[in-house]
PDB file of N, CA and C in Angstrom:
ATOM      1  N   MET A   1      63.146  28.307 145.903  1.00  0.00           N
ATOM      2  CA  MET A   1      63.117  26.573 145.708  1.00  0.00           C
ATOM      3  C   MET A   1      64.311  26.153 144.701  1.00  0.00           C
ATOM      4  N   ALA A   2      64.435  26.839 143.745  1.00  0.00           N
ATOM      5  CA  ALA A   2      65.659  26.408 142.783  1.00  0.00           C
ATOM      6  C   ALA A   2      66.853  26.876 143.087  1.00  0.00           C
ATOM      7  N   GLN A   3      67.272  27.823 143.871  1.00  0.00           N
ATOM      8  CA  GLN A   3      68.454  27.993 144.532  1.00  0.00           C
ATOM      9  C   GLN A   3      68.912  27.126 145.609  1.00  0.00           C
ATOM     10  N   ARG A   4      67.543  26.604 146.687  1.00  0.00           N
ATOM     11  CA  ARG A   4      68.115  25.662 147.346  1.00  0.00           C
ATOM     12  C   ARG A   4      68.680  24.195 146.907  1.00  0.00           C
ATOM     13  N   GLN A   5      68.139  24.220 145.591  1.00  0.00           N
ATOM     14  CA  GLN A   5      68.158  22.891 145.130  1.00  0.00           C
ATOM     15  C   GLN A   5      69.910  22.866 144.243  1.00  0.00           C
ATOM     16  N   ALA A   6      70.074  24.281 144.127  1.00  0.00           N
ATOM     17  CA  ALA A   6      71.355  24.486 143.060  1.00  0.00           C
ATOM     18  C   ALA A   6      72.012  24.330 144.520  1.00  0.00           C
ATOM     19  N   GLU A   7      72.227  24.619 145.562  1.00  0.00           N
ATOM     20  CA  GLU A   7      73.338  24.424 146.969  1.00  0.00           C
ATOM     21  C   GLU A   7      73.516  23.467 147.128  1.00  0.00           C
ATOM     22  N   ALA A   8      72.213  22.565 147.183  1.00  0.00           N
ATOM     23  CA  ALA A   8      71.949  21.408 147.830  1.00  0.00           C
ATOM     24  C   ALA A   8      72.789  20.481 146.245  1.00  0.00           C
ATOM     25  N   ASN A   9      72.745  20.537 145.311  1.00  0.00           N
ATOM     26  CA  ASN A   9      73.222  19.793 144.222  1.00  0.00           C
ATOM     27  C   ASN A   9      75.108  20.578 144.102  1.00  0.00           C
ATOM     28  N   ALA A  10      75.373  21.406 144.815  1.00  0.00           N
ATOM     29  CA  ALA A  10      76.524  21.861 145.022  1.00  0.00           C
ATOM     30  C   ALA A  10      77.632  21.159 146.042  1.00  0.00           C
ATOM     31  N   ILE A  11      76.574  20.771 147.108  1.00  0.00           N
ATOM     32  CA  ILE A  11      77.094  19.956 148.314  1.00  0.00           C
ATOM     33  C   ILE A  11      77.451  18.331 147.772  1.00  0.00           C
ATOM     34  N   ALA A  12      76.114  18.008 147.060  1.00  0.00           N
ATOM     35  CA  ALA A  12      76.323  16.749 146.275  1.00  0.00           C
ATOM     36  C   ALA A  12      77.826  16.664 145.342  1.00  0.00           C
ATOM     37  N   PHE A  13      77.902  17.684 144.637  1.00  0.00           N
ATOM     38  CA  PHE A  13      79.140  17.342 143.832  1.00  0.00           C
ATOM     39  C   PHE A  13      80.048  17.668 144.228  1.00  0.00           C
ATOM     40  N   GLN A  14      80.703  18.112 145.795  1.00  0.00           N
ATOM     41  CA  GLN A  14      81.591  18.119 146.136  1.00  0.00           C
ATOM     42  C   GLN A  14      81.904  16.481 147.027  1.00  0.00           C
ATOM     43  N   GLY A  15      80.705  15.955 147.550  1.00  0.00           N
ATOM     44  CA  GLY A  15      80.591  14.964 148.057  1.00  0.00           C
ATOM     45  C   GLY A  15      81.425  13.678 147.050  1.00  0.00           C
ATOM     46  N   SER A  16      80.830  13.904 145.332  1.00  0.00           N
ATOM     47  CA  SER A  16      81.545  13.119 144.806  1.00  0.00           C
ATOM     48  C   SER A  16      82.872  12.916 144.616  1.00  0.00           C
ATOM     49  N   LYS A  17      82.932  14.326 144.495  1.00  0.00           N
ATOM     50  CA  LYS A  17      84.882  14.508 144.140  1.00  0.00           C
ATOM     51  C   LYS A  17      85.311  14.068 144.964  1.00  0.00           C
ATOM     52  N   VAL A  18      85.058  13.990 146.711  1.00  0.00           N
ATOM     53  CA  VAL A  18      85.741  13.752 147.665  1.00  0.00           C
ATOM     54  C   VAL A  18      85.623  11.743 147.350  1.00  0.00           C
ATOM     55  N   GLU A  19      84.079  11.418 147.226  1.00  0.00           N
ATOM     56  CA  GLU A  19      84.468   9.989 147.208  1.00  0.00           C
ATOM     57  C   GLU A  19      85.108   9.204 146.130  1.00  0.00           C
ATOM     58  N   SER A  20      85.043  10.199 145.076  1.00  0.00           N
ATOM     59  CA  SER A  20      86.304   9.391 143.731  1.00  0.00           C
ATOM     60  C   SER A  20      87.442   9.749 144.401  1.00  0.00           C
ATOM     61  N   ARG A  21      87.796  10.659 145.138  1.00  0.00           N
ATOM     62  CA  ARG A  21      89.069  10.456 145.735  1.00  0.00           C
ATOM     63  C   ARG A  21      89.784   9.023 146.003  1.00  0.00           C
ATOM     64  N   VAL A  22      88.514   8.399 146.971  1.00  0.00           N
ATOM     65  CA  VAL A  22      88.891   7.504 148.163  1.00  0.00           C
ATOM     66  C   VAL A  22      88.366   6.225 147.192  1.00  0.00           C
ATOM     67  N   GLY A  23      87.867   6.565 145.811  1.00  0.00           N
ATOM     68  CA  GLY A  23      87.382   5.081 145.053  1.00  0.00           C
ATOM     69  C   GLY A  23      86.341   4.617 144.794  1.00  0.00           C
ATOM     70  N   SER A  24      85.491   5.348 145.688  1.00  0.00           N
ATOM     71  CA  SER A  24      83.965   4.905 145.571  1.00  0.00           C
ATOM     72  C   SER A  24      83.002   5.306 144.815  1.00  0.00           C
ATOM     73  N   ARG A  25      83.835   6.700 144.148  1.00  0.00           N
ATOM     74  CA  ARG A  25      82.673   6.747 142.960  1.00  0.00           C
ATOM     75  C   ARG A  25      83.789   7.065 141.454  1.00  0.00           C
ATOM     76  N   SER A  26      82.695   6.989 140.559  1.00  0.00           N
ATOM     77  CA  SER A  26      83.436   6.887 139.077  1.00  0.00           C
ATOM     78  C   SER A  26      83.235   7.824 138.581  1.00  0.00           C
ATOM     79  N   LEU A  27      83.897   8.296 137.228  1.00  0.00           N
ATOM     80  CA  LEU A  27      84.117   9.825 136.588  1.00  0.00           C
ATOM     81  C   LEU A  27      82.786   9.856 136.221  1.00  0.00           C
ATOM     82  N   ILE A  28      82.045   8.849 135.960  1.00  0.00           N
ATOM     83  CA  ILE A  28      80.889   9.077 135.282  1.00  0.00           C
ATOM     84  C   ILE A  28      79.776   9.686 136.642  1.00  0.00           C
ATOM     85  N   ASP A  29      79.965   9.367 137.213  1.00  0.00           N
ATOM     86  CA  ASP A  29      79.152   9.653 138.546  1.00  0.00           C
ATOM     87  C   ASP A  29      79.351  11.296 138.818  1.00  0.00           C
ATOM     88  N   ILE A  30      80.629  11.804 138.674  1.00  0.00           N
ATOM     89  CA  ILE A  30      81.141  13.133 139.314  1.00  0.00           C
ATOM     90  C   ILE A  30      80.538  13.533 137.681  1.00  0.00           C
ATOM     91  N   LEU A  31      80.547  13.350 137.092  1.00  0.00           N
ATOM     92  CA  LEU A  31      80.068  14.318 135.452  1.00  0.00           C
ATOM     93  C   LEU A  31      78.894  14.553 135.763  1.00  0.00           C
ATOM     94  N   ASN A  32      77.715  13.269 136.217  1.00  0.00           N
ATOM     95  CA  ASN A  32      76.506  13.461 136.166  1.00  0.00           C
ATOM     96  C   ASN A  32      75.976  14.500 137.253  1.00  0.00           C
ATOM     97  N   ALA A  33      77.015  14.067 138.470  1.00  0.00           N
ATOM     98  CA  ALA A  33      76.216  15.136 139.459  1.00  0.00           C
ATOM     99  C   ALA A  33      77.090  16.773 139.177  1.00  0.00           C
ATOM    100  N   ASP A  34      78.235  16.980 138.155  1.00  0.00           N
ATOM    101  CA  ASP A  34      78.331  18.255 137.855  1.00  0.00           C
ATOM    102  C   ASP A  34      77.075  18.427 136.951  1.00  0.00           C
ATOM    103  N   GLN A  35      76.904  17.862 136.123  1.00  0.00           N
ATOM    104  CA  GLN A  35      75.177  17.894 135.229  1.00  0.00           C
ATOM    105  C   GLN A  35      74.063  18.299 135.937  1.00  0.00           C
ATOM    106  N   GLU A  36      73.872  17.828 137.277  1.00  0.00           N
ATOM    107  CA  GLU A  36      72.767  18.255 137.643  1.00  0.00           C
ATOM    108  C   GLU A  36      73.140  19.548 138.260  1.00  0.00           C
ATOM    109  N   LEU A  37      74.143  19.710 139.083  1.00  0.00           N
ATOM    110  CA  LEU A  37      74.546  20.739 139.512  1.00  0.00           C
ATOM    111  C   LEU A  37      74.467  22.438 138.335  1.00  0.00           C
ATOM    112  N   LEU A  38      74.896  22.056 137.323  1.00  0.00           N
ATOM    113  CA  LEU A  38      74.409  23.045 136.039  1.00  0.00           C
ATOM    114  C   LEU A  38      73.156  23.268 135.761  1.00  0.00           C
ATOM    115  N   GLN A  39      72.830  22.534 135.670  1.00  0.00           N
ATOM    116  CA  GLN A  39      71.127  22.242 135.635  1.00  0.00           C
ATOM    117  C   GLN A  39      70.448  23.254 136.194  1.00  0.00           C
ATOM    118  N   SER A  40      70.300  22.582 137.752  1.00  0.00           N
ATOM    119  CA  SER A  40      70.065  23.386 138.983  1.00  0.00           C
ATOM    120  C   SER A  40      70.326  24.827 138.933  1.00  0.00           C
ATOM    121  N   ARG A  41      71.744  25.449 138.918  1.00  0.00           N
ATOM    122  CA  ARG A  41      71.784  27.061 138.797  1.00  0.00           C
ATOM    123  C   ARG A  41      71.216  27.431 137.393  1.00  0.00           C
ATOM    124  N   ILE A  42      71.124  26.707 136.170  1.00  0.00           N
ATOM    125  CA  ILE A  42      70.331  27.463 135.062  1.00  0.00           C
ATOM    126  C   ILE A  42      68.938  27.567 135.481  1.00  0.00           C
ATOM    127  N   ALA A  43      68.602  26.550 136.553  1.00  0.00           N
ATOM    128  CA  ALA A  43      66.817  26.514 136.694  1.00  0.00           C
ATOM    129  C   ALA A  43      66.724  27.839 137.828  1.00  0.00           C
ATOM    130  N   ALA A  44      67.861  27.787 138.808  1.00  0.00           N
ATOM    131  CA  ALA A  44      67.889  28.854 139.660  1.00  0.00           C
ATOM    132  C   ALA A  44      67.853  30.378 139.067  1.00  0.00           C
ATOM    133  N   TYR A  45      68.649  30.841 138.248  1.00  0.00           N
ATOM    134  CA  TYR A  45      68.903  31.706 137.279  1.00  0.00           C
ATOM    135  C   TYR A  45      67.430  32.258 136.348  1.00  0.00           C
ATOM    136  N   ALA A  46      67.112  30.947 135.694  1.00  0.00           N
ATOM    137  CA  ALA A  46      65.811  31.326 135.012  1.00  0.00           C
ATOM    138  C   ALA A  46      64.702  31.677 135.957  1.00  0.00           C
ATOM    139  N   GLN A  47      64.311  31.146 137.419  1.00  0.00           N
ATOM    140  CA  GLN A  47      63.273  31.734 138.151  1.00  0.00           C
ATOM    141  C   GLN A  47      63.904  32.945 138.699  1.00  0.00           C
ATOM    142  N   GLU A  48      64.753  33.820 138.821  1.00  0.00           N
ATOM    143  CA  GLU A  48      65.283  34.527 139.566  1.00  0.00           C
ATOM    144  C   GLU A  48      64.853  35.931 138.320  1.00  0.00           C
ATOM    145  N   ASP A  49      64.984  35.326 137.041  1.00  0.00           N
ATOM    146  CA  ASP A  49      65.100  36.075 135.566  1.00  0.00           C
ATOM    147  C   ASP A  49      63.441  36.152 135.715  1.00  0.00           C
ATOM    148  N   ALA A  50      62.783  35.367 136.146  1.00  0.00           N
ATOM    149  CA  ALA A  50      61.183  35.431 135.463  1.00  0.00           C
ATOM    150  C   ALA A  50      60.828  36.093 136.710  1.00  0.00           C
ATOM    151  N   LEU A  51      61.388  36.340 138.026  1.00  0.00           N
ATOM    152  CA  LEU A  51      60.471  37.316 138.919  1.00  0.00           C
ATOM    153  C   LEU A  51      60.673  38.429 138.871  1.00  0.00           C
ATOM    154  N   GLU A  52      61.858  38.912 138.447  1.00  0.00           N
ATOM    155  CA  GLU A  52      62.299  40.424 137.893  1.00  0.00           C
ATOM    156  C   GLU A  52      61.475  40.683 136.621  1.00  0.00           C
ATOM    157  N   ARG A  53      61.024  39.921 135.640  1.00  0.00           N
ATOM    158  CA  ARG A  53      60.827  40.090 134.687  1.00  0.00           C
ATOM    159  C   ARG A  53      58.944  40.263 135.167  1.00  0.00           C
ATOM    160  N   ALA A  54      58.333  39.664 135.984  1.00  0.00           N
ATOM    161  CA  ALA A  54      57.217  39.497 136.424  1.00  0.00           C
ATOM    162  C   ALA A  54      57.261  41.146 137.248  1.00  0.00           C
ATOM    163  N   THR A  55      58.118  41.557 138.010  1.00  0.00           N
ATOM    164  CA  THR A  55      57.775  42.420 138.923  1.00  0.00           C
ATOM    165  C   THR A  55      57.918  43.619 137.336  1.00  0.00           C
ATOM    166  N   CYS A  56      58.772  43.921 136.758  1.00  0.00           N
ATOM    167  CA  CYS A  56      58.604  44.980 135.930  1.00  0.00           C
ATOM    168  C   CYS A  56      57.463  45.022 135.017  1.00  0.00           C
ATOM    169  N   ARG A  57      56.913  44.135 134.955  1.00  0.00           N
ATOM    170  CA  ARG A  57      55.338  44.302 133.888  1.00  0.00           C
ATOM    171  C   ARG A  57      54.672  44.538 135.031  1.00  0.00           C
ATOM    172  N   LEU A  58      54.608  43.905 136.310  1.00  0.00           N
ATOM    173  CA  LEU A  58      53.764  44.401 137.320  1.00  0.00           C
ATOM    174  C   LEU A  58      53.742  46.038 137.798  1.00  0.00           C
ATOM    175  N   ARG A  59      54.847  46.653 137.542  1.00  0.00           N
ATOM    176  CA  ARG A  59      55.141  48.033 138.115  1.00  0.00           C
ATOM    177  C   ARG A  59      54.798  48.796 136.494  1.00  0.00           C
ATOM    178  N   SER A  60      55.145  48.409 135.246  1.00  0.00           N
ATOM    179  CA  SER A  60      54.732  48.768 134.504  1.00  0.00           C
ATOM    180  C   SER A  60      53.263  49.259 134.259  1.00  0.00           C
ATOM    181  N   ALA A  61      52.276  48.037 134.647  1.00  0.00           N
ATOM    182  CA  ALA A  61      50.818  48.109 134.533  1.00  0.00           C
ATOM    183  C   ALA A  61      50.072  49.332 135.692  1.00  0.00           C
ATOM    184  N   ILE A  62      50.778  49.404 136.802  1.00  0.00           N
ATOM    185  CA  ILE A  62      50.276  50.436 137.698  1.00  0.00           C
ATOM    186  C   ILE A  62      50.672  51.634 137.603  1.00  0.00           C
ATOM    187  N   GLY A  63      51.998  51.488 136.552  1.00  0.00           N
ATOM    188  CA  GLY A  63      52.344  53.506 136.161  1.00  0.00           C
ATOM    189  C   GLY A  63      53.749  53.311 137.166  1.00  0.00           C
ATOM    190  N   GLY A  64      54.224  52.767 137.506  1.00  0.00           N
ATOM    191  CA  GLY A  64      55.732  52.587 138.318  1.00  0.00           C
ATOM    192  C   GLY A  64      56.645  52.736 137.907  1.00  0.00           C
ATOM    193  N   LEU A  65      56.715  53.036 136.549  1.00  0.00           N
ATOM    194  CA  LEU A  65      57.807  52.514 135.483  1.00  0.00           C
ATOM    195  C   LEU A  65      58.068  54.041 134.882  1.00  0.00           C
ATOM    196  N   THR A  66      57.460  55.069 135.661  1.00  0.00           N
ATOM    197  CA  THR A  66      57.892  56.378 134.834  1.00  0.00           C
ATOM    198  C   THR A  66      59.168  57.421 135.658  1.00  0.00           C
ATOM    199  N   ALA A  67      59.385  58.107 135.151  1.00  0.00           N
ATOM    200  CA  ALA A  67      60.942  59.040 135.630  1.00  0.00           C
ATOM    201  C   ALA A  67      60.127  59.860 136.738  1.00  0.00           C
ATOM    202  N   THR A  68      59.234  59.800 136.986  1.00  0.00           N
ATOM    203  CA  THR A  68      59.044  60.828 138.359  1.00  0.00           C
ATOM    204  C   THR A  68      58.760  59.434 139.560  1.00  0.00           C
ATOM    205  N   ALA A  69      58.397  58.300 139.451  1.00  0.00           N
ATOM    206  CA  ALA A  69      58.073  56.886 140.042  1.00  0.00           C
ATOM    207  C   ALA A  69      59.711  56.582 140.472  1.00  0.00           C
ATOM    208  N   LEU A  70      60.522  56.473 139.727  1.00  0.00           N
ATOM    209  CA  LEU A  70      61.840  55.913 139.504  1.00  0.00           C
ATOM    210  C   LEU A  70      63.089  57.239 139.973  1.00  0.00           C
ATOM    211  N   LYS A  71      62.618  58.349 140.331  1.00  0.00           N
ATOM    212  CA  LYS A  71      63.151  59.227 140.766  1.00  0.00           C
ATOM    213  C   LYS A  71      64.663  59.683 140.074  1.00  0.00           C
ATOM    214  N   LEU A  72      64.229  59.619 138.814  1.00  0.00           N
ATOM    215  CA  LEU A  72      65.548  59.710 137.409  1.00  0.00           C
ATOM    216  C   LEU A  72      65.802  61.615 137.765  1.00  0.00           C
ATOM    217  N   PRO A  73      67.242  61.455 137.376  1.00  0.00           N
ATOM    218  CA  PRO A  73      67.444  62.803 137.194  1.00  0.00           C
ATOM    219  C   PRO A  73      67.512  63.346 135.811  1.00  0.00           C
ATOM    220  N   THR A  74      66.320  63.549 135.504  1.00  0.00           N
ATOM    221  CA  THR A  74      66.027  64.223 134.457  1.00  0.00           C
ATOM    222  C   THR A  74      64.728  65.266 134.466  1.00  0.00           C
ATOM    223  N   LYS A  75      64.527  66.295 133.526  1.00  0.00           N
ATOM    224  CA  LYS A  75      63.747  67.290 133.541  1.00  0.00           C
ATOM    225  C   LYS A  75      62.654  66.104 133.016  1.00  0.00           C
ATOM    226  N   ILE A  76      61.303  66.436 133.682  1.00  0.00           N
ATOM    227  CA  ILE A  76      59.794  65.794 133.673  1.00  0.00           C
ATOM    228  C   ILE A  76      58.887  66.716 132.744  1.00  0.00           C
ATOM    229  N   TYR A  77      58.937  66.063 131.519  1.00  0.00           N
ATOM    230  CA  TYR A  77      57.650  66.628 130.567  1.00  0.00           C
ATOM    231  C   TYR A  77      56.522  67.233 131.431  1.00  0.00           C
ATOM    232  N   ASP A  78      56.453  68.564 130.959  1.00  0.00           N
ATOM    233  CA  ASP A  78      55.034  69.305 131.541  1.00  0.00           C
ATOM    234  C   ASP A  78      54.041  69.612 130.049  1.00  0.00           C
ATOM    235  N   PRO A  79      53.050  69.144 129.970  1.00  0.00           N
ATOM    236  CA  PRO A  79      52.055  69.403 128.893  1.00  0.00           C
ATOM    237  C   PRO A  79      51.669  70.932 128.903  1.00  0.00           C
ATOM    238  N   GLN A  80      51.456  71.190 129.933  1.00  0.00           N
ATOM    239  CA  GLN A  80      50.776  72.960 130.067  1.00  0.00           C
ATOM    240  C   GLN A  80      52.356  73.520 129.443  1.00  0.00           C
ATOM    241  N   GLN A  81      53.378  73.523 130.029  1.00  0.00           N
ATOM    242  CA  GLN A  81      54.715  74.293 129.716  1.00  0.00           C
ATOM    243  C   GLN A  81      54.986  74.273 128.203  1.00  0.00           C
ATOM    244  N   HIS A  82      54.400  72.898 128.094  1.00  0.00           N
ATOM    245  CA  HIS A  82      55.252  72.874 126.040  1.00  0.00           C
ATOM    246  C   HIS A  82      54.114  73.689 125.579  1.00  0.00           C
ATOM    247  N   TYR A  83      52.794  73.168 126.155  1.00  0.00           N
ATOM    248  CA  TYR A  83      52.050  74.363 124.976  1.00  0.00           C
ATOM    249  C   TYR A  83      52.249  75.651 125.088  1.00  0.00           C
ATOM    250  N   ASP A  84      52.655  76.135 126.257  1.00  0.00           N
ATOM    251  CA  ASP A  84      52.479  77.366 126.491  1.00  0.00           C
ATOM    252  C   ASP A  84      54.149  78.193 125.808  1.00  0.00           C
ATOM    253  N   ASP A  85      54.433  77.381 125.615  1.00  0.00           N
ATOM    254  CA  ASP A  85      55.971  77.575 124.961  1.00  0.00           C
ATOM    255  C   ASP A  85      55.880  77.731 123.546  1.00  0.00           C
ATOM    256  N   ASN A  86      55.069  76.720 123.007  1.00  0.00           N
ATOM    257  CA  ASN A  86      54.817  76.352 121.412  1.00  0.00           C
ATOM    258  C   ASN A  86      53.431  76.800 120.886  1.00  0.00           C
ATOM    259  N   ALA A  87      52.542  77.502 121.624  1.00  0.00           N
ATOM    260  CA  ALA A  87      51.340  77.999 121.168  1.00  0.00           C
ATOM    261  C   ALA A  87      51.299  78.823 120.124  1.00  0.00           C
ATOM    262  N   SER A  88      52.398  79.861 120.161  1.00  0.00           N
ATOM    263  CA  SER A  88      52.442  80.700 119.021  1.00  0.00           C
ATOM    264  C   SER A  88      53.166  80.445 117.942  1.00  0.00           C
ATOM    265  N   ARG A  89      53.857  79.465 117.833  1.00  0.00           N
ATOM    266  CA  ARG A  89      54.245  79.075 116.888  1.00  0.00           C
ATOM    267  C   ARG A  89      53.513  78.148 115.771  1.00  0.00           C
ATOM    268  N   TRP A  90      53.887  78.541 114.319  1.00  0.00           N
ATOM    269  CA  TRP A  90      53.550  78.132 113.138  1.00  0.00           C
ATOM    270  C   TRP A  90      54.170  77.141 112.512  1.00  0.00           C
ATOM    271  N   PHE A  91      53.963  76.107 112.936  1.00  0.00           N
ATOM    272  CA  PHE A  91      54.539  74.845 112.357  1.00  0.00           C
ATOM    273  C   PHE A  91      56.212  74.894 112.572  1.00  0.00           C
ATOM    274  N   GLY A  92      56.085  74.946 113.945  1.00  0.00           N
ATOM    275  CA  GLY A  92      57.718  74.923 114.206  1.00  0.00           C
ATOM    276  C   GLY A  92      58.938  75.956 113.815  1.00  0.00           C
ATOM    277  N   PHE A  93      58.265  77.017 112.998  1.00  0.00           N
ATOM    278  CA  PHE A  93      58.937  78.164 112.237  1.00  0.00           C
ATOM    279  C   PHE A  93      59.644  79.157 113.258  1.00  0.00           C
ATOM    280  N   GLY A  94      59.430  78.935 114.621  1.00  0.00           N
ATOM    281  CA  GLY A  94      59.403  80.204 115.376  1.00  0.00           C
ATOM    282  C   GLY A  94      58.097  81.017 115.750  1.00  0.00           C
ATOM    283  N   ARG A  95      58.268  82.064 116.426  1.00  0.00           N
ATOM    284  CA  ARG A  95      57.190  82.551 116.967  1.00  0.00           C
ATOM    285  C   ARG A  95      56.699  83.716 116.228  1.00  0.00           C
ATOM    286  N   LEU A  96      55.066  83.933 116.130  1.00  0.00           N
ATOM    287  CA  LEU A  96      54.364  84.580 115.236  1.00  0.00           C
ATOM    288  C   LEU A  96      54.115  85.873 116.085  1.00  0.00           C
ATOM    289  N   THR A  97      54.311  87.290 115.250  1.00  0.00           N
ATOM    290  CA  THR A  97      54.622  88.528 116.017  1.00  0.00           C
ATOM    291  C   THR A  97      53.111  89.073 115.513  1.00  0.00           C
ATOM    292  N   THR A  98      52.615  89.328 116.927  1.00  0.00           N
ATOM    293  CA  THR A  98      51.287  90.287 116.786  1.00  0.00           C
ATOM    294  C   THR A  98      51.147  91.294 117.034  1.00  0.00           C
TER     295      THR A  98
END
């Protein structure tokens, strides 16, 4: 919706510029059209940002922001492997000899 409004304001702004060349629009009309165009673009960007943030919050809530779900090129943490590697350590000072 906001994107369509920004497009409509861009067309209106261009029309105001053309009308000013033939003398039917004043400078204040052009500045007002430019201000409306700017405000509608800001609203469109804010709406897009809100959508992206909501999407990220939803993905986070359903567990979709994990390294596995995002297919990141990184080593995935395996708690069992970590336990097996560190079970015989004594406060991280190396392995105990038995």
